[in-house]
Amino acid sequence: MIGFELADLRIFGVVCTKHPGFAEEREWRVVYSPSMYPSNHLIRAIEVIQGVPQPVYKIPLKNIPEEGLVGAEIPELLDRIIIGPTQYRLAIWEAFMDLLRQAGVADPAKKIVLSNIPLRQ
């Protein structure tokens, strides 16, 4: 196990603390600091985001059982996808259906939920 310094814990605390008003959102957060804790598994790429070229690190969603990482592939990892509110819900639904099929998810329609929250304009 990697030992953490007090400064590391402060950084992780600031980056990972969530406002109590968002407690119902149960998302994962991934924080990667290649200078502090480099990884051979993440893939560095240059992407243009809103016109700005910048480095991004991609996480291959692959199991690495020899290192104790299992359950990381899409069919195992995904509980559900909630779409909405958006005016393009059916187009997004169709796109996710195709992507989940490509990722090997059996019966992807059971994983996609269309939100009934109305779109505010």
C-alpha atoms as a PDB file:
ATOM      1  CA  MET A   1       0.000   0.000   0.000  1.00  0.00           C
ATOM      2  CA  ILE A   2       1.189   3.500  -0.824  1.00  0.00           C
ATOM      3  CA  GLY A   3       1.955   5.665   2.212  1.00  0.00           C
ATOM      4  CA  PHE A   4       0.328   9.086   2.218  1.00  0.00           C
ATOM      5  CA  GLU A   5       1.864  12.302   3.508  1.00  0.00           C
ATOM      6  CA  LEU A   6      -0.282  14.842   5.360  1.00  0.00           C
ATOM      7  CA  ALA A   7      -0.058  17.169   2.326  1.00  0.00           C
ATOM      8  CA  ASP A   8      -1.414  14.367   0.119  1.00  0.00           C
ATOM      9  CA  LEU A   9      -4.389  13.900   2.422  1.00  0.00           C
ATOM     10  CA  ARG A  10      -5.147  17.630   2.291  1.00  0.00           C
ATOM     11  CA  ILE A  11      -5.054  17.629  -1.511  1.00  0.00           C
ATOM     12  CA  PHE A  12      -7.318  14.588  -1.701  1.00  0.00           C
ATOM     13  CA  GLY A  13      -9.653  16.153   0.867  1.00  0.00           C
ATOM     14  CA  VAL A  14     -10.036  19.341  -1.151  1.00  0.00           C
ATOM     15  CA  VAL A  15     -10.490  17.559  -4.480  1.00  0.00           C
ATOM     16  CA  CYS A  16     -12.833  14.852  -3.224  1.00  0.00           C
ATOM     17  CA  THR A  17     -15.034  16.706  -0.735  1.00  0.00           C
ATOM     18  CA  LYS A  18     -18.609  17.080  -1.876  1.00  0.00           C
ATOM     19  CA  HIS A  19     -21.120  19.693  -0.798  1.00  0.00           C
ATOM     20  CA  PRO A  20     -23.841  18.044   1.353  1.00  0.00           C
ATOM     21  CA  GLY A  21     -26.492  19.441  -1.020  1.00  0.00           C
ATOM     22  CA  PHE A  22     -25.350  16.894  -3.608  1.00  0.00           C
ATOM     23  CA  ALA A  23     -25.321  13.869  -1.289  1.00  0.00           C
ATOM     24  CA  GLU A  24     -27.898  11.988  -3.398  1.00  0.00           C
ATOM     25  CA  GLU A  25     -25.517  11.935  -6.363  1.00  0.00           C
ATOM     26  CA  ARG A  26     -23.512   8.752  -6.035  1.00  0.00           C
ATOM     27  CA  GLU A  27     -20.842   9.223  -8.670  1.00  0.00           C
ATOM     28  CA  TRP A  28     -17.257   8.142  -8.713  1.00  0.00           C
ATOM     29  CA  ARG A  29     -14.462  10.655  -8.864  1.00  0.00           C
ATOM     30  CA  VAL A  30     -11.104   9.756 -10.276  1.00  0.00           C
ATOM     31  CA  VAL A  31      -8.160  11.934  -9.352  1.00  0.00           C
ATOM     32  CA  TYR A  32      -4.878  11.305 -11.084  1.00  0.00           C
ATOM     33  CA  SER A  33      -1.627  13.072 -10.335  1.00  0.00           C
ATOM     34  CA  PRO A  34       1.026  11.603 -12.628  1.00  0.00           C
ATOM     35  CA  SER A  35       3.822  13.519 -10.927  1.00  0.00           C
ATOM     36  CA  MET A  36       2.868  12.156  -7.487  1.00  0.00           C
ATOM     37  CA  TYR A  37       1.648   8.659  -8.359  1.00  0.00           C
ATOM     38  CA  PRO A  38       2.408   7.641 -11.957  1.00  0.00           C
ATOM     39  CA  SER A  39       0.587   4.694 -13.506  1.00  0.00           C
ATOM     40  CA  ASN A  40       1.483   2.431 -16.406  1.00  0.00           C
ATOM     41  CA  HIS A  41      -2.209   1.738 -17.042  1.00  0.00           C
ATOM     42  CA  LEU A  42      -3.533   5.201 -17.890  1.00  0.00           C
ATOM     43  CA  ILE A  43      -3.162   6.433 -21.462  1.00  0.00           C
ATOM     44  CA  ARG A  44      -1.963  10.012 -22.002  1.00  0.00           C
ATOM     45  CA  ALA A  45      -3.360  11.814 -25.041  1.00  0.00           C
ATOM     46  CA  ILE A  46      -3.677  15.369 -26.266  1.00  0.00           C
ATOM     47  CA  GLU A  47      -7.319  16.379 -26.798  1.00  0.00           C
ATOM     48  CA  VAL A  48      -8.789  19.683 -27.928  1.00  0.00           C
ATOM     49  CA  ILE A  49     -11.473  20.704 -25.425  1.00  0.00           C
ATOM     50  CA  GLN A  50     -13.400  23.886 -26.239  1.00  0.00           C
ATOM     51  CA  GLY A  51     -10.589  24.950 -28.556  1.00  0.00           C
ATOM     52  CA  VAL A  52      -7.778  24.336 -26.046  1.00  0.00           C
ATOM     53  CA  PRO A  53      -5.275  21.510 -26.688  1.00  0.00           C
ATOM     54  CA  GLN A  54      -4.490  19.815 -23.394  1.00  0.00           C
ATOM     55  CA  PRO A  55      -3.246  16.542 -21.975  1.00  0.00           C
ATOM     56  CA  VAL A  56      -5.886  14.091 -20.788  1.00  0.00           C
ATOM     57  CA  TYR A  57      -5.484  10.678 -19.236  1.00  0.00           C
ATOM     58  CA  LYS A  58      -7.759   7.899 -20.420  1.00  0.00           C
ATOM     59  CA  ILE A  59      -8.696   5.005 -18.181  1.00  0.00           C
ATOM     60  CA  PRO A  60      -8.936   1.719 -20.048  1.00  0.00           C
ATOM     61  CA  LEU A  61     -11.960  -0.021 -18.586  1.00  0.00           C
ATOM     62  CA  LYS A  62     -10.292  -3.420 -18.571  1.00  0.00           C
ATOM     63  CA  ASN A  63      -9.854  -5.942 -15.822  1.00  0.00           C
ATOM     64  CA  ILE A  64      -6.281  -6.605 -14.665  1.00  0.00           C
ATOM     65  CA  PRO A  65      -6.852  -9.701 -12.519  1.00  0.00           C
ATOM     66  CA  GLU A  66      -3.136 -10.291 -11.929  1.00  0.00           C
ATOM     67  CA  GLU A  67      -3.101  -6.937 -10.089  1.00  0.00           C
ATOM     68  CA  GLY A  68      -6.391  -7.506  -8.271  1.00  0.00           C
ATOM     69  CA  LEU A  69      -8.463  -5.217 -10.516  1.00  0.00           C
ATOM     70  CA  VAL A  70     -11.714  -6.924 -11.475  1.00  0.00           C
ATOM     71  CA  GLY A  71     -15.163  -5.562 -12.254  1.00  0.00           C
ATOM     72  CA  ALA A  72     -13.771  -2.656 -14.296  1.00  0.00           C
ATOM     73  CA  GLU A  73     -15.213  -3.615 -17.672  1.00  0.00           C
ATOM     74  CA  ILE A  74     -18.414  -1.904 -18.850  1.00  0.00           C
ATOM     75  CA  PRO A  75     -20.791  -4.894 -18.550  1.00  0.00           C
ATOM     76  CA  GLU A  76     -19.715  -5.422 -14.913  1.00  0.00           C
ATOM     77  CA  LEU A  77     -19.250  -1.789 -13.970  1.00  0.00           C
ATOM     78  CA  LEU A  78     -22.405  -0.201 -15.307  1.00  0.00           C
ATOM     79  CA  ASP A  79     -25.562  -0.145 -13.223  1.00  0.00           C
ATOM     80  CA  ARG A  80     -27.632   2.187 -15.404  1.00  0.00           C
ATOM     81  CA  ILE A  81     -27.548   5.301 -17.545  1.00  0.00           C
ATOM     82  CA  ILE A  82     -30.099   8.029 -16.896  1.00  0.00           C
ATOM     83  CA  ILE A  83     -30.819  10.288 -19.879  1.00  0.00           C
ATOM     84  CA  GLY A  84     -32.424  13.656 -19.391  1.00  0.00           C
ATOM     85  CA  PRO A  85     -33.582  16.249 -19.259  1.00  0.00           C
ATOM     86  CA  THR A  86     -32.757  16.984 -22.895  1.00  0.00           C
ATOM     87  CA  GLN A  87     -34.631  17.672 -26.097  1.00  0.00           C
ATOM     88  CA  TYR A  88     -32.637  14.873 -27.804  1.00  0.00           C
ATOM     89  CA  ARG A  89     -33.478  11.992 -25.471  1.00  0.00           C
ATOM     90  CA  LEU A  90     -34.348   9.461 -28.190  1.00  0.00           C
ATOM     91  CA  ALA A  91     -31.213  10.199 -30.251  1.00  0.00           C
ATOM     92  CA  ILE A  92     -29.087   9.897 -27.108  1.00  0.00           C
ATOM     93  CA  TRP A  93     -30.913   6.677 -26.147  1.00  0.00           C
ATOM     94  CA  GLU A  94     -30.164   5.179 -29.564  1.00  0.00           C
ATOM     95  CA  ALA A  95     -26.493   6.196 -29.386  1.00  0.00           C
ATOM     96  CA  PHE A  96     -26.083   4.632 -25.936  1.00  0.00           C
ATOM     97  CA  MET A  97     -27.821   1.467 -27.129  1.00  0.00           C
ATOM     98  CA  ASP A  98     -25.208   1.107 -29.880  1.00  0.00           C
ATOM     99  CA  LEU A  99     -22.292   1.941 -27.576  1.00  0.00           C
ATOM    100  CA  LEU A 100     -23.422  -0.519 -24.896  1.00  0.00           C
ATOM    101  CA  ARG A 101     -23.868  -3.276 -27.489  1.00  0.00           C
ATOM    102  CA  GLN A 102     -20.321  -2.586 -28.747  1.00  0.00           C
ATOM    103  CA  ALA A 103     -19.073  -2.797 -25.150  1.00  0.00           C
ATOM    104  CA  GLY A 104     -20.632  -6.249 -24.745  1.00  0.00           C
ATOM    105  CA  VAL A 105     -23.572  -5.291 -22.515  1.00  0.00           C
ATOM    106  CA  ALA A 106     -26.345  -7.875 -22.756  1.00  0.00           C
ATOM    107  CA  ASP A 107     -29.813  -6.342 -23.235  1.00  0.00           C
ATOM    108  CA  PRO A 108     -28.692  -2.697 -23.069  1.00  0.00           C
ATOM    109  CA  ALA A 109     -32.289  -1.402 -23.083  1.00  0.00           C
ATOM    110  CA  LYS A 110     -32.575  -2.582 -19.466  1.00  0.00           C
ATOM    111  CA  LYS A 111     -29.648  -0.341 -18.503  1.00  0.00           C
ATOM    112  CA  ILE A 112     -30.942   2.920 -20.019  1.00  0.00           C
ATOM    113  CA  VAL A 113     -33.568   5.031 -18.251  1.00  0.00           C
ATOM    114  CA  LEU A 114     -35.225   8.082 -19.752  1.00  0.00           C
ATOM    115  CA  SER A 115     -35.760  10.750 -17.116  1.00  0.00           C
ATOM    116  CA  ASN A 116     -39.225  12.242 -16.722  1.00  0.00           C
ATOM    117  CA  ILE A 117     -37.806  15.539 -15.464  1.00  0.00           C
ATOM    118  CA  PRO A 118     -38.995  18.246 -17.888  1.00  0.00           C
ATOM    119  CA  LEU A 119     -36.466  20.233 -19.865  1.00  0.00           C
ATOM    120  CA  ARG A 120     -36.282  23.838 -18.650  1.00  0.00           C
ATOM    121  CA  GLN A 121     -35.874  26.440 -21.336  1.00  0.00           C
END
